Amino acid sequence: MSGSQSSPPAEEKGKQRTSSDKQKEHIRRIVRTLIACFLGMITGYISFVVGGTPDASMIQPNLLLEILILMAGVVVQKHVMVLFRIDPTKLGSKDWFYQSFMTFALWFITLTILLTTSVQ
């Protein structure tokens, strides 16, 4: 008898997502990306201010402190997400890697632009 009954398709087994659910999820992803980008820019600026003036070999004296500021920016994301009512526990390792990479990329770009415009 079990052979005559067909099981429902895989998409019917789970909850059907409506277009409004998809739109809300898309907006949450955009907000998460914006959080990572803004924190990257903020940490890049703070790193520039704290890093000190580059020497003749173009190395700032407080380079380790700049990297620690970047790591703090990645950690702060979780708390900022809570403020925006995004549940950080639902994010997987791939999502956190993406968030961290976006923060790093914007940190690096901001710091590079600030350093090249300040050096003459």
N, C-alpha and C. Protein backbone atom coordinates (compact mmCIF):
# COMPACT_ATOMS: atom_id res chain seq x y z
N MET A 1 0.80 -1.19 0.00
CA MET A 1 0.00 0.00 0.00
C MET A 1 0.84 1.25 0.00
N SER A 2 1.95 1.17 0.68
CA SER A 2 2.77 2.37 0.73
C SER A 2 3.33 2.71 -0.64
N GLY A 3 3.43 1.73 -1.53
CA GLY A 3 3.91 1.99 -2.88
C GLY A 3 2.90 2.76 -3.71
N SER A 4 1.59 2.60 -3.42
CA SER A 4 0.57 3.29 -4.19
C SER A 4 0.42 4.75 -3.77
N GLN A 5 0.77 5.04 -2.52
CA GLN A 5 0.67 6.42 -2.07
C GLN A 5 1.97 7.14 -2.43
N SER A 6 1.82 8.26 -3.07
CA SER A 6 3.02 9.02 -3.42
C SER A 6 3.25 10.07 -2.33
N SER A 7 4.52 10.22 -1.99
CA SER A 7 4.84 11.23 -0.98
C SER A 7 4.82 12.60 -1.65
N PRO A 8 4.50 13.62 -0.89
CA PRO A 8 4.45 14.95 -1.47
C PRO A 8 5.84 15.39 -1.92
N PRO A 9 5.89 16.25 -2.93
CA PRO A 9 7.19 16.73 -3.39
C PRO A 9 7.96 17.41 -2.26
N ALA A 10 9.26 17.53 -2.44
CA ALA A 10 10.12 18.07 -1.40
C ALA A 10 9.73 19.50 -1.03
N GLU A 11 9.27 20.27 -2.00
CA GLU A 11 8.91 21.66 -1.69
C GLU A 11 7.62 21.76 -0.90
N GLU A 12 6.77 20.74 -0.98
CA GLU A 12 5.55 20.76 -0.19
C GLU A 12 5.77 20.25 1.23
N LYS A 13 6.84 19.49 1.45
CA LYS A 13 7.13 18.97 2.79
C LYS A 13 7.43 20.11 3.75
N GLY A 14 8.26 21.05 3.30
CA GLY A 14 8.61 22.19 4.13
C GLY A 14 7.57 23.28 3.99
N LYS A 15 7.79 24.32 4.71
CA LYS A 15 6.87 25.46 4.66
C LYS A 15 7.08 26.23 3.35
N GLN A 16 5.99 26.52 2.68
CA GLN A 16 6.06 27.29 1.44
C GLN A 16 6.40 28.75 1.78
N ARG A 17 7.36 29.31 1.08
CA ARG A 17 7.73 30.70 1.32
C ARG A 17 6.96 31.59 0.35
N THR A 18 6.32 32.57 0.92
CA THR A 18 5.58 33.52 0.09
C THR A 18 6.54 34.59 -0.42
N SER A 19 6.05 35.38 -1.34
CA SER A 19 6.90 36.43 -1.89
C SER A 19 7.25 37.48 -0.83
N SER A 20 6.35 37.71 0.13
CA SER A 20 6.66 38.67 1.19
C SER A 20 7.75 38.12 2.11
N ASP A 21 7.75 36.79 2.36
CA ASP A 21 8.82 36.18 3.15
C ASP A 21 10.16 36.29 2.44
N LYS A 22 10.14 36.05 1.13
CA LYS A 22 11.37 36.16 0.35
C LYS A 22 11.89 37.60 0.34
N GLN A 23 10.97 38.55 0.26
CA GLN A 23 11.37 39.96 0.25
C GLN A 23 11.96 40.36 1.61
N LYS A 24 11.37 39.90 2.70
CA LYS A 24 11.88 40.20 4.03
C LYS A 24 13.28 39.60 4.21
N GLU A 25 13.47 38.39 3.75
CA GLU A 25 14.78 37.75 3.85
C GLU A 25 15.82 38.49 3.01
N HIS A 26 15.42 38.95 1.85
CA HIS A 26 16.33 39.71 0.99
C HIS A 26 16.74 41.02 1.67
N ILE A 27 15.80 41.69 2.30
CA ILE A 27 16.10 42.94 3.01
C ILE A 27 17.02 42.67 4.19
N ARG A 28 16.81 41.55 4.91
CA ARG A 28 17.70 41.19 6.01
C ARG A 28 19.13 40.97 5.51
N ARG A 29 19.28 40.33 4.36
CA ARG A 29 20.61 40.10 3.81
C ARG A 29 21.27 41.41 3.40
N ILE A 30 20.50 42.33 2.86
CA ILE A 30 21.05 43.64 2.49
C ILE A 30 21.49 44.39 3.74
N VAL A 31 20.69 44.35 4.79
CA VAL A 31 21.04 45.03 6.04
C VAL A 31 22.31 44.42 6.63
N ARG A 32 22.42 43.08 6.60
CA ARG A 32 23.63 42.43 7.10
C ARG A 32 24.86 42.87 6.32
N THR A 33 24.74 42.98 5.01
CA THR A 33 25.86 43.42 4.19
C THR A 33 26.22 44.87 4.49
N LEU A 34 25.22 45.72 4.66
CA LEU A 34 25.48 47.12 4.98
C LEU A 34 26.15 47.26 6.35
N ILE A 35 25.75 46.44 7.31
CA ILE A 35 26.39 46.47 8.62
C ILE A 35 27.88 46.14 8.48
N ALA A 36 28.18 45.10 7.72
CA ALA A 36 29.57 44.70 7.53
C ALA A 36 30.36 45.80 6.82
N CYS A 37 29.76 46.42 5.81
CA CYS A 37 30.45 47.47 5.06
C CYS A 37 30.70 48.70 5.92
N PHE A 38 29.70 49.15 6.65
CA PHE A 38 29.88 50.34 7.49
C PHE A 38 30.88 50.09 8.61
N LEU A 39 30.83 48.91 9.21
CA LEU A 39 31.81 48.61 10.25
C LEU A 39 33.21 48.51 9.67
N GLY A 40 33.33 48.03 8.45
CA GLY A 40 34.64 48.00 7.80
C GLY A 40 35.18 49.40 7.56
N MET A 41 34.31 50.31 7.11
CA MET A 41 34.75 51.69 6.89
C MET A 41 35.10 52.38 8.20
N ILE A 42 34.30 52.15 9.23
CA ILE A 42 34.55 52.77 10.52
C ILE A 42 35.86 52.25 11.11
N THR A 43 36.07 50.94 11.07
CA THR A 43 37.32 50.40 11.61
C THR A 43 38.52 50.82 10.78
N GLY A 44 38.32 50.99 9.48
CA GLY A 44 39.42 51.50 8.64
C GLY A 44 39.82 52.91 9.03
N TYR A 45 38.85 53.75 9.30
CA TYR A 45 39.15 55.12 9.72
C TYR A 45 39.80 55.14 11.10
N ILE A 46 39.27 54.35 12.03
CA ILE A 46 39.86 54.28 13.37
C ILE A 46 41.29 53.74 13.29
N SER A 47 41.52 52.76 12.44
CA SER A 47 42.87 52.22 12.27
C SER A 47 43.82 53.28 11.72
N PHE A 48 43.32 54.10 10.81
CA PHE A 48 44.15 55.16 10.25
C PHE A 48 44.53 56.18 11.34
N VAL A 49 43.56 56.54 12.16
CA VAL A 49 43.81 57.53 13.21
C VAL A 49 44.76 56.97 14.27
N VAL A 50 44.55 55.72 14.68
CA VAL A 50 45.34 55.11 15.75
C VAL A 50 46.69 54.62 15.24
N GLY A 51 46.77 54.30 13.97
CA GLY A 51 47.97 53.67 13.42
C GLY A 51 49.22 54.50 13.44
N GLY A 52 49.09 55.78 13.42
CA GLY A 52 50.27 56.64 13.42
C GLY A 52 50.74 56.95 12.02
N THR A 53 51.73 57.82 11.94
CA THR A 53 52.27 58.24 10.65
C THR A 53 53.22 57.18 10.11
N PRO A 54 53.06 56.78 8.85
CA PRO A 54 53.97 55.77 8.28
C PRO A 54 55.40 56.29 8.22
N ASP A 55 56.36 55.39 8.43
CA ASP A 55 57.76 55.78 8.34
C ASP A 55 58.23 55.71 6.89
N ALA A 56 59.54 55.79 6.66
CA ALA A 56 60.09 55.82 5.30
C ALA A 56 59.79 54.54 4.53
N SER A 57 59.64 53.42 5.23
CA SER A 57 59.33 52.16 4.54
C SER A 57 57.83 51.93 4.42
N MET A 58 57.03 52.99 4.69
CA MET A 58 55.57 52.98 4.55
C MET A 58 54.88 52.00 5.49
N ILE A 59 55.45 51.80 6.66
CA ILE A 59 54.84 50.92 7.66
C ILE A 59 54.44 51.78 8.86
N GLN A 60 53.21 51.63 9.30
CA GLN A 60 52.75 52.36 10.47
C GLN A 60 53.26 51.68 11.73
N PRO A 61 53.59 52.46 12.76
CA PRO A 61 54.15 51.86 13.98
C PRO A 61 53.17 50.98 14.75
N ASN A 62 51.89 51.21 14.65
CA ASN A 62 50.90 50.45 15.42
C ASN A 62 50.11 49.50 14.52
N LEU A 63 50.78 48.76 13.69
CA LEU A 63 50.11 47.87 12.73
C LEU A 63 49.31 46.78 13.44
N LEU A 64 49.86 46.22 14.51
CA LEU A 64 49.15 45.17 15.24
C LEU A 64 47.86 45.70 15.85
N LEU A 65 47.90 46.92 16.34
CA LEU A 65 46.70 47.53 16.90
C LEU A 65 45.62 47.71 15.82
N GLU A 66 46.02 48.04 14.61
CA GLU A 66 45.06 48.18 13.51
C GLU A 66 44.37 46.86 13.21
N ILE A 67 45.12 45.77 13.24
CA ILE A 67 44.53 44.45 12.99
C ILE A 67 43.59 44.07 14.12
N LEU A 68 43.94 44.42 15.35
CA LEU A 68 43.04 44.14 16.47
C LEU A 68 41.75 44.95 16.36
N ILE A 69 41.85 46.17 15.86
CA ILE A 69 40.64 46.98 15.64
C ILE A 69 39.76 46.33 14.58
N LEU A 70 40.36 45.78 13.54
CA LEU A 70 39.60 45.06 12.52
C LEU A 70 38.87 43.87 13.13
N MET A 71 39.56 43.10 13.96
CA MET A 71 38.92 41.94 14.60
C MET A 71 37.79 42.38 15.53
N ALA A 72 37.97 43.49 16.21
CA ALA A 72 36.91 44.01 17.07
C ALA A 72 35.69 44.40 16.24
N GLY A 73 35.93 44.95 15.05
CA GLY A 73 34.82 45.29 14.16
C GLY A 73 34.02 44.07 13.74
N VAL A 74 34.71 42.96 13.54
CA VAL A 74 34.02 41.72 13.17
C VAL A 74 33.18 41.22 14.34
N VAL A 75 33.72 41.32 15.55
CA VAL A 75 32.99 40.85 16.73
C VAL A 75 31.79 41.74 17.03
N VAL A 76 31.94 43.04 16.83
CA VAL A 76 30.86 43.99 17.13
C VAL A 76 29.66 43.76 16.22
N GLN A 77 29.87 43.16 15.06
CA GLN A 77 28.77 42.91 14.12
C GLN A 77 27.62 42.15 14.78
N LYS A 78 27.97 41.18 15.59
CA LYS A 78 26.93 40.37 16.24
C LYS A 78 26.01 41.25 17.08
N HIS A 79 26.60 42.19 17.80
CA HIS A 79 25.81 43.05 18.67
C HIS A 79 25.01 44.08 17.87
N VAL A 80 25.56 44.53 16.77
CA VAL A 80 24.84 45.47 15.92
C VAL A 80 23.65 44.76 15.26
N MET A 81 23.85 43.50 14.89
CA MET A 81 22.74 42.74 14.30
C MET A 81 21.59 42.59 15.29
N VAL A 82 21.92 42.39 16.55
CA VAL A 82 20.88 42.28 17.56
C VAL A 82 20.10 43.59 17.65
N LEU A 83 20.80 44.72 17.54
CA LEU A 83 20.12 46.02 17.55
C LEU A 83 19.16 46.18 16.38
N PHE A 84 19.51 45.59 15.24
CA PHE A 84 18.65 45.66 14.05
C PHE A 84 17.67 44.49 13.98
N ARG A 85 17.53 43.77 15.08
CA ARG A 85 16.61 42.64 15.20
C ARG A 85 16.87 41.55 14.16
N ILE A 86 18.14 41.28 13.94
CA ILE A 86 18.54 40.16 13.09
C ILE A 86 19.13 39.11 14.02
N ASP A 87 18.63 37.89 13.95
CA ASP A 87 19.08 36.83 14.85
C ASP A 87 20.43 36.28 14.36
N PRO A 88 21.53 36.59 15.06
CA PRO A 88 22.84 36.11 14.60
C PRO A 88 23.03 34.61 14.80
N THR A 89 22.19 33.96 15.59
CA THR A 89 22.34 32.52 15.78
C THR A 89 21.91 31.73 14.54
N LYS A 90 21.14 32.36 13.66
CA LYS A 90 20.69 31.68 12.44
C LYS A 90 21.74 31.70 11.34
N LEU A 91 22.83 32.44 11.54
CA LEU A 91 23.86 32.53 10.53
C LEU A 91 24.80 31.33 10.63
N GLY A 92 25.10 30.75 9.49
CA GLY A 92 26.03 29.63 9.45
C GLY A 92 27.47 30.11 9.29
N SER A 93 28.37 29.17 9.20
CA SER A 93 29.79 29.54 9.07
C SER A 93 30.05 30.27 7.75
N LYS A 94 29.34 29.90 6.69
CA LYS A 94 29.52 30.58 5.41
C LYS A 94 29.06 32.03 5.50
N ASP A 95 27.97 32.28 6.21
CA ASP A 95 27.48 33.64 6.39
C ASP A 95 28.46 34.48 7.20
N TRP A 96 29.02 33.90 8.27
CA TRP A 96 29.98 34.65 9.08
C TRP A 96 31.27 34.91 8.31
N PHE A 97 31.67 33.96 7.46
CA PHE A 97 32.84 34.19 6.62
C PHE A 97 32.58 35.36 5.67
N TYR A 98 31.40 35.42 5.09
CA TYR A 98 31.04 36.51 4.20
C TYR A 98 31.04 37.84 4.94
N GLN A 99 30.43 37.85 6.14
CA GLN A 99 30.40 39.08 6.94
C GLN A 99 31.82 39.54 7.27
N SER A 100 32.66 38.62 7.68
CA SER A 100 34.04 38.95 8.03
C SER A 100 34.82 39.44 6.83
N PHE A 101 34.62 38.80 5.69
CA PHE A 101 35.33 39.21 4.48
C PHE A 101 34.91 40.60 4.04
N MET A 102 33.63 40.90 4.10
CA MET A 102 33.17 42.24 3.71
C MET A 102 33.73 43.30 4.64
N THR A 103 33.79 43.00 5.93
CA THR A 103 34.37 43.95 6.88
C THR A 103 35.85 44.15 6.58
N PHE A 104 36.57 43.06 6.33
CA PHE A 104 37.99 43.16 6.00
C PHE A 104 38.20 43.96 4.71
N ALA A 105 37.41 43.67 3.69
CA ALA A 105 37.60 44.34 2.40
C ALA A 105 37.39 45.84 2.51
N LEU A 106 36.33 46.26 3.19
CA LEU A 106 36.08 47.69 3.34
C LEU A 106 37.09 48.34 4.28
N TRP A 107 37.55 47.62 5.30
CA TRP A 107 38.61 48.12 6.18
C TRP A 107 39.87 48.38 5.37
N PHE A 108 40.24 47.40 4.56
CA PHE A 108 41.46 47.51 3.75
C PHE A 108 41.36 48.64 2.74
N ILE A 109 40.24 48.74 2.05
CA ILE A 109 40.06 49.80 1.05
C ILE A 109 40.09 51.17 1.70
N THR A 110 39.36 51.33 2.82
CA THR A 110 39.33 52.62 3.51
C THR A 110 40.71 53.00 4.02
N LEU A 111 41.41 52.06 4.65
CA LEU A 111 42.73 52.34 5.17
C LEU A 111 43.71 52.69 4.05
N THR A 112 43.62 51.97 2.95
CA THR A 112 44.51 52.23 1.81
C THR A 112 44.27 53.60 1.22
N ILE A 113 43.01 53.96 1.05
CA ILE A 113 42.70 55.29 0.50
C ILE A 113 43.18 56.39 1.43
N LEU A 114 42.95 56.23 2.72
CA LEU A 114 43.38 57.26 3.67
C LEU A 114 44.90 57.36 3.74
N LEU A 115 45.59 56.23 3.66
CA LEU A 115 47.05 56.27 3.72
C LEU A 115 47.66 56.88 2.46
N THR A 116 47.08 56.57 1.29
CA THR A 116 47.66 57.11 0.06
C THR A 116 47.37 58.59 -0.12
N THR A 117 46.26 59.07 0.45
CA THR A 117 45.97 60.48 0.32
C THR A 117 46.73 61.32 1.33
N SER A 118 47.20 60.68 2.43
CA SER A 118 47.92 61.43 3.46
C SER A 118 49.41 61.46 3.20
N VAL A 119 49.94 60.51 2.43
CA VAL A 119 51.38 60.46 2.15
C VAL A 119 51.68 61.29 0.92
N GLN A 120 52.73 62.10 1.03
CA GLN A 120 53.07 62.95 -0.12
C GLN A 120 54.43 62.63 -0.63
